[in-house]
Amino acid sequence: MKVLVTGVAGFIGMHCAQRLLARGDEVVGIDNLSPYYSVELKRDRLRQIAVRFFETDIADASALENVFRDEKPEAVLHLAAQAGVRYSLENPASYVQANLVGFANLLECCRRHPPRHLVFASSSSVYGSNRKLPWSEGDNVDHPVSLYAATKKSNELMAHAYSHLYALPATGLRYFTVYGPWGRPDMSPMLFAAAIMEGRPIQVFNHGDMQRDFTYIDDVVEGTLRVLDRPSPYAVFNIGNHQPVSLLDYIGELERALGKKATLEMKPMQPGDVKATYADTRALQQAVGFVPSTQLRDGLARFAGWFRNYYGYR
């Protein structure tokens, strides 16, 4: 099967492409190599995968159309996006371009060149400050607390409309705090690990009174590809570990994995952030027979090994 992976130089994109290639699929990759974080890291990820690569911005409708017309992908895994809750407060325009204009362009390409299945990245951020835990796909998600979350909810609505109007099989995946080797530098594992190794304080928001449903990258890839292989008219699934961990316990496990203690700097809650995330994964299990299960200690040990090696920490 020929699969188009957008955001192929990203964290999840690289790992999904790697697994697709390993099982014998052909992968065509798109990425604009945005300088939002290290382009060098993105290029190093690309070196791990033998894909036909197009440095293309999905907000460029004609360039994206050319890729679809020439490559004729049988399936589309759409992971390209402007990510990050806090950065959406600083640069909202980039979220509109990548997550709204870019996604609209992608849907139009899928309408004109229909794949057997479009799977796209949503986010646990769509649940906002919903107090009911765990978060289930049927919960109300009409009150996002960040522009990033609003764009991801918009993606779900746009995909639903195209699925209904044009019989496009489309599935959204609400990812919960993904971590592991080759992760994003703006997320807590990389930020915290660098601070610990360099003896700098870690900023701990809401004075540590937070929980996250940390999900290891291998579990995310397994769930994503199982969904990709089973087209449905329209669906949304959580992909999370169903085991929320307190922020302070998480830091303790990271200290253990790195063999060094952290210095903590307590901070108030940040705008757009939420106190806890917790995935109900029953719908995913029923649909594809899989539930993420990697324990945080095991996942952080693998992450720490990669982190030390990649950045040269001893």
Protein backbone atom coordinates (compact mmCIF):
# COMPACT_ATOMS: atom_id res chain seq x y z
CA MET A 1 0.00 0.00 0.00
CA LYS A 2 1.24 3.48 -0.82
CA VAL A 3 0.78 5.76 2.19
CA LEU A 4 1.18 9.55 2.20
CA VAL A 5 2.45 10.72 5.59
CA THR A 6 2.27 14.46 6.17
CA GLY A 7 4.53 15.81 8.90
CA VAL A 8 6.87 12.90 8.16
CA ALA A 9 9.85 14.69 9.76
CA GLY A 10 7.87 15.09 12.98
CA PHE A 11 8.04 12.90 16.06
CA ILE A 12 5.01 10.69 15.39
CA GLY A 13 5.42 10.97 11.62
CA MET A 14 8.94 9.53 11.60
CA HIS A 15 8.01 6.60 13.83
CA CYS A 16 4.87 5.78 11.80
CA ALA A 17 6.83 5.93 8.54
CA GLN A 18 9.49 3.65 10.02
CA ARG A 19 6.88 1.05 10.97
CA LEU A 20 5.07 1.32 7.62
CA LEU A 21 8.34 0.73 5.76
CA ALA A 22 9.24 -2.21 8.02
CA ARG A 23 6.00 -3.98 7.15
CA GLY A 24 6.49 -3.44 3.41
CA ASP A 25 4.41 -0.38 2.60
CA GLU A 26 5.58 2.39 0.28
CA VAL A 27 5.78 5.77 2.02
CA VAL A 28 5.62 9.23 0.47
CA GLY A 29 6.44 11.96 2.96
CA ILE A 30 5.57 15.66 3.16
CA ASP A 31 6.98 18.17 5.63
CA ASN A 32 7.72 21.90 5.48
CA LEU A 33 10.58 21.59 8.03
CA SER A 34 9.14 24.47 10.05
CA PRO A 35 11.68 26.23 12.32
CA TYR A 36 9.21 26.06 15.24
CA TYR A 37 11.83 23.73 16.73
CA SER A 38 15.18 22.32 15.60
CA VAL A 39 15.28 21.71 11.85
CA GLU A 40 18.46 19.70 12.44
CA LEU A 41 16.49 17.25 14.59
CA LYS A 42 13.87 16.95 11.84
CA ARG A 43 16.54 16.27 9.22
CA ASP A 44 18.11 13.65 11.50
CA ARG A 45 14.71 11.96 11.78
CA LEU A 46 14.42 11.92 7.99
CA ARG A 47 17.77 10.13 7.83
CA GLN A 48 16.18 7.24 9.74
CA ILE A 49 13.59 6.56 7.03
CA ALA A 50 13.89 5.78 3.31
CA VAL A 51 10.87 7.67 1.99
CA ARG A 52 10.26 9.71 -1.13
CA PHE A 53 10.26 13.14 0.48
CA PHE A 54 8.70 16.44 -0.60
CA GLU A 55 9.56 19.60 1.31
CA THR A 56 6.09 21.01 0.92
CA ASP A 57 3.82 23.21 3.02
CA ILE A 58 0.26 21.90 3.22
CA ALA A 59 -0.92 25.52 3.28
CA ASP A 60 0.28 25.71 -0.35
CA ALA A 61 -2.75 24.27 -2.12
CA SER A 62 -1.19 23.88 -5.57
CA ALA A 63 1.96 22.19 -4.26
CA LEU A 64 -0.11 19.75 -2.20
CA GLU A 65 -2.34 19.03 -5.20
CA ASN A 66 0.73 18.20 -7.28
CA VAL A 67 1.83 15.58 -4.76
CA PHE A 68 -1.61 13.94 -4.67
CA ARG A 69 -1.96 14.01 -8.45
CA ASP A 70 1.49 12.54 -9.10
CA GLU A 71 1.68 10.03 -6.24
CA LYS A 72 -1.95 8.86 -5.97
CA PRO A 73 -1.68 7.62 -2.36
CA GLU A 74 -3.92 4.74 -1.34
CA ALA A 75 -4.06 5.95 2.26
CA VAL A 76 -3.28 9.28 3.93
CA LEU A 77 -1.86 9.67 7.44
CA HIS A 78 -2.11 13.38 8.20
CA LEU A 79 0.19 14.37 11.08
CA ALA A 80 1.41 17.77 9.85
CA ALA A 81 0.28 20.58 12.16
CA GLN A 82 1.41 23.54 14.17
CA ALA A 83 1.61 21.93 17.59
CA GLY A 84 1.84 23.29 21.12
CA VAL A 85 -0.69 24.89 23.44
CA ARG A 86 1.47 27.71 24.82
CA TYR A 87 2.91 28.77 21.46
CA SER A 88 -0.64 29.35 20.19
CA LEU A 89 -0.78 32.34 22.54
CA GLU A 90 2.32 33.83 20.89
CA ASN A 91 1.76 33.06 17.21
CA PRO A 92 -1.91 32.32 16.48
CA ALA A 93 -1.52 32.98 12.75
CA SER A 94 0.69 29.91 12.32
CA TYR A 95 -2.09 27.71 13.74
CA VAL A 96 -4.66 29.17 11.37
CA GLN A 97 -2.39 28.55 8.36
CA ALA A 98 -1.22 25.03 9.21
CA ASN A 99 -4.17 23.59 11.09
CA LEU A 100 -7.11 25.23 9.31
CA VAL A 101 -6.00 26.35 5.84
CA GLY A 102 -3.62 23.39 5.50
CA PHE A 103 -6.23 20.87 6.63
CA ALA A 104 -8.83 22.33 4.28
CA ASN A 105 -6.34 21.94 1.42
CA LEU A 106 -5.72 18.34 2.42
CA LEU A 107 -9.44 17.53 2.50
CA GLU A 108 -9.87 19.02 -0.96
CA CYS A 109 -7.03 16.87 -2.27
CA CYS A 110 -8.65 13.80 -0.71
CA ARG A 111 -11.95 14.74 -2.36
CA ARG A 112 -10.31 14.97 -5.79
CA HIS A 113 -8.01 11.97 -5.29
CA PRO A 114 -9.90 9.72 -2.84
CA PRO A 115 -7.77 7.47 -0.62
CA ARG A 116 -9.19 4.33 0.95
CA HIS A 117 -8.75 6.01 4.35
CA LEU A 118 -7.72 9.38 5.80
CA VAL A 119 -6.41 9.21 9.35
CA PHE A 120 -5.59 12.56 10.95
CA ALA A 121 -4.09 13.71 14.23
CA SER A 122 -6.43 15.38 16.66
CA SER A 123 -5.46 15.98 20.29
CA SER A 124 -6.53 15.37 23.87
CA SER A 125 -6.53 19.19 24.10
CA VAL A 126 -10.01 19.21 22.55
CA TYR A 127 -11.44 18.12 25.92
CA GLY A 128 -10.49 21.48 27.42
CA SER A 129 -11.17 21.73 31.13
CA ASN A 130 -13.82 18.99 31.09
CA ARG A 131 -14.05 17.85 34.72
CA LYS A 132 -15.44 14.39 33.96
CA LEU A 133 -12.61 11.84 33.97
CA PRO A 134 -11.63 9.73 32.13
CA TRP A 135 -12.31 11.61 28.91
CA SER A 136 -14.45 9.68 26.44
CA GLU A 137 -15.03 10.30 22.74
CA GLY A 138 -18.71 11.03 23.37
CA ASP A 139 -17.98 13.84 25.85
CA ASN A 140 -18.85 17.43 25.01
CA VAL A 141 -15.81 19.18 23.51
CA ASP A 142 -17.39 22.54 22.67
CA HIS A 143 -15.33 24.59 25.11
CA PRO A 144 -11.63 24.56 24.13
CA VAL A 145 -9.28 26.56 26.34
CA SER A 146 -6.59 27.26 23.70
CA LEU A 147 -6.53 28.17 20.03
CA TYR A 148 -4.55 24.99 19.35
CA ALA A 149 -7.39 22.92 20.83
CA ALA A 150 -9.94 24.91 18.84
CA THR A 151 -8.13 24.16 15.58
CA LYS A 152 -8.02 20.45 16.37
CA LYS A 153 -11.74 20.37 17.16
CA SER A 154 -12.27 22.25 13.88
CA ASN A 155 -10.34 19.51 12.06
CA GLU A 156 -12.73 16.90 13.43
CA LEU A 157 -15.75 18.90 12.27
CA MET A 158 -14.27 19.58 8.82
CA ALA A 159 -13.41 15.90 8.33
CA HIS A 160 -16.91 14.89 9.39
CA ALA A 161 -18.42 17.21 6.80
CA TYR A 162 -16.22 15.82 4.01
CA SER A 163 -16.92 12.26 5.11
CA HIS A 164 -20.65 12.96 4.96
CA LEU A 165 -20.63 14.91 1.70
CA TYR A 166 -18.11 12.91 -0.31
CA ALA A 167 -18.12 9.45 1.35
CA LEU A 168 -14.51 9.99 2.47
CA PRO A 169 -13.52 7.44 5.14
CA ALA A 170 -11.91 9.62 7.82
CA THR A 171 -10.75 8.91 11.37
CA GLY A 172 -9.39 11.38 13.92
CA LEU A 173 -7.01 10.29 16.67
CA ARG A 174 -6.92 12.21 19.94
CA TYR A 175 -3.35 11.66 21.11
CA PHE A 176 -2.52 11.95 24.82
CA THR A 177 0.94 13.35 25.78
CA VAL A 178 3.14 11.27 23.49
CA TYR A 179 6.77 10.71 24.57
CA GLY A 180 9.78 8.62 23.61
CA PRO A 181 12.99 8.67 21.52
CA TRP A 182 13.16 11.41 18.86
CA GLY A 183 10.54 13.44 20.75
CA ARG A 184 9.72 17.12 20.34
CA PRO A 185 12.09 19.51 22.16
CA ASP A 186 9.18 21.69 23.31
CA MET A 187 7.60 18.87 25.32
CA SER A 188 8.32 18.07 28.95
CA PRO A 189 10.50 14.93 28.55
CA MET A 190 13.06 16.80 26.45
CA LEU A 191 12.80 20.08 28.38
CA PHE A 192 13.07 18.37 31.75
CA ALA A 193 15.83 15.96 30.72
CA ALA A 194 18.00 18.78 29.36
CA ALA A 195 17.47 20.85 32.51
CA ILE A 196 18.30 17.90 34.78
CA MET A 197 21.49 17.03 32.90
CA GLU A 198 22.63 20.66 32.78
CA GLY A 199 21.79 21.41 36.41
CA ARG A 200 19.12 23.98 35.57
CA PRO A 201 15.80 24.22 37.45
CA ILE A 202 12.66 22.64 36.00
CA GLN A 203 9.60 24.87 35.86
CA VAL A 204 6.79 22.92 37.52
CA PHE A 205 3.42 24.46 36.70
CA ASN A 206 0.41 24.58 39.05
CA HIS A 207 2.95 23.83 41.80
CA GLY A 208 3.07 20.20 40.66
CA ASP A 209 -0.65 19.56 41.11
CA MET A 210 -1.13 18.15 37.60
CA GLN A 211 -1.64 14.76 35.97
CA ARG A 212 -0.91 13.56 32.46
CA ASP A 213 -1.79 10.39 30.56
CA PHE A 214 1.71 9.78 29.16
CA THR A 215 1.61 7.56 26.07
CA TYR A 216 4.75 5.88 24.71
CA ILE A 217 5.47 6.38 21.03
CA ASP A 218 5.46 2.66 20.13
CA ASP A 219 1.93 2.35 21.50
CA VAL A 220 0.85 5.42 19.55
CA VAL A 221 2.26 3.96 16.32
CA GLU A 222 0.61 0.57 16.89
CA GLY A 223 -2.78 2.14 17.54
CA THR A 224 -2.45 4.54 14.62
CA LEU A 225 -1.58 1.90 12.05
CA ARG A 226 -4.27 -0.48 13.26
CA VAL A 227 -6.79 2.31 12.72
CA LEU A 228 -5.28 3.17 9.32
CA ASP A 229 -5.79 -0.42 8.18
CA ARG A 230 -9.51 -0.40 9.05
CA PRO A 231 -11.36 2.32 7.16
CA SER A 232 -14.67 3.50 8.54
CA PRO A 233 -17.06 6.21 7.32
CA TYR A 234 -16.12 8.56 10.20
CA ALA A 235 -14.76 7.95 13.67
CA VAL A 236 -12.74 9.56 16.46
CA PHE A 237 -10.62 7.59 18.94
CA ASN A 238 -8.55 8.38 22.01
CA ILE A 239 -5.01 7.00 21.98
CA GLY A 240 -3.76 7.24 25.55
CA ASN A 241 -2.26 5.01 28.20
CA HIS A 242 -5.34 5.14 30.47
CA GLN A 243 -2.97 5.60 33.43
CA PRO A 244 -2.63 9.27 34.44
CA VAL A 245 0.55 10.03 36.39
CA SER A 246 1.10 12.99 38.69
CA LEU A 247 3.65 15.50 37.44
CA LEU A 248 5.89 15.04 40.49
CA ASP A 249 5.86 11.24 40.15
CA TYR A 250 6.71 11.64 36.48
CA ILE A 251 9.69 13.85 37.34
CA GLY A 252 10.78 11.24 39.87
CA GLU A 253 10.76 8.52 37.20
CA LEU A 254 12.71 10.74 34.82
CA GLU A 255 15.29 11.38 37.57
CA ARG A 256 15.60 7.64 38.04
CA ALA A 257 16.05 7.05 34.30
CA LEU A 258 18.73 9.74 34.00
CA GLY A 259 20.44 8.95 37.30
CA LYS A 260 20.40 12.57 38.44
CA LYS A 261 18.19 14.70 40.69
CA ALA A 262 16.17 17.66 39.44
CA THR A 263 15.90 21.15 40.91
CA LEU A 264 12.26 22.22 40.95
CA GLU A 265 10.96 25.76 40.45
CA MET A 266 7.26 25.90 41.32
CA LYS A 267 5.08 28.04 39.04
CA PRO A 268 1.35 28.86 38.76
CA MET A 269 -0.90 27.29 36.13
CA GLN A 270 -0.23 28.55 32.60
CA PRO A 271 -2.99 30.04 30.39
CA GLY A 272 -4.52 27.40 28.10
CA ASP A 273 -3.25 24.49 30.20
CA VAL A 274 -5.40 21.89 31.99
CA LYS A 275 -4.91 20.21 35.35
CA ALA A 276 -5.37 16.58 34.27
CA THR A 277 -5.68 14.40 31.18
CA TYR A 278 -7.02 10.84 31.28
CA ALA A 279 -8.04 8.74 28.27
CA ASP A 280 -10.95 6.32 28.12
CA THR A 281 -9.60 3.79 25.59
CA ARG A 282 -12.52 1.37 25.39
CA ALA A 283 -13.64 2.56 21.94
CA LEU A 284 -10.16 2.00 20.48
CA GLN A 285 -9.99 -1.47 22.00
CA GLN A 286 -13.39 -2.41 20.63
CA ALA A 287 -12.56 -1.09 17.14
CA VAL A 288 -9.04 -2.47 16.62
CA GLY A 289 -8.31 -4.74 19.59
CA PHE A 290 -5.52 -2.62 21.05
CA VAL A 291 -4.93 -0.58 24.19
CA PRO A 292 -1.63 1.21 24.93
CA SER A 293 0.14 -0.45 27.86
CA THR A 294 3.81 0.61 28.06
CA GLN A 295 4.62 1.51 31.65
CA LEU A 296 6.06 4.98 32.23
CA ARG A 297 9.23 3.62 33.87
CA ASP A 298 10.00 1.43 30.83
CA GLY A 299 9.22 4.15 28.32
CA LEU A 300 11.29 6.79 30.11
CA ALA A 301 14.23 4.38 30.37
CA ARG A 302 14.20 3.97 26.58
CA PHE A 303 13.80 7.70 26.10
CA ALA A 304 16.68 8.47 28.48
CA GLY A 305 19.00 6.09 26.64
CA TRP A 306 18.26 7.77 23.32
CA PHE A 307 18.49 11.26 24.84
CA ARG A 308 21.94 10.67 26.33
CA ASN A 309 23.23 9.22 23.09
CA TYR A 310 21.73 11.79 20.70
CA TYR A 311 22.76 14.87 22.69
CA GLY A 312 26.05 13.46 23.93
CA TYR A 313 25.31 13.56 27.67
CA ARG A 314 27.48 11.28 29.79
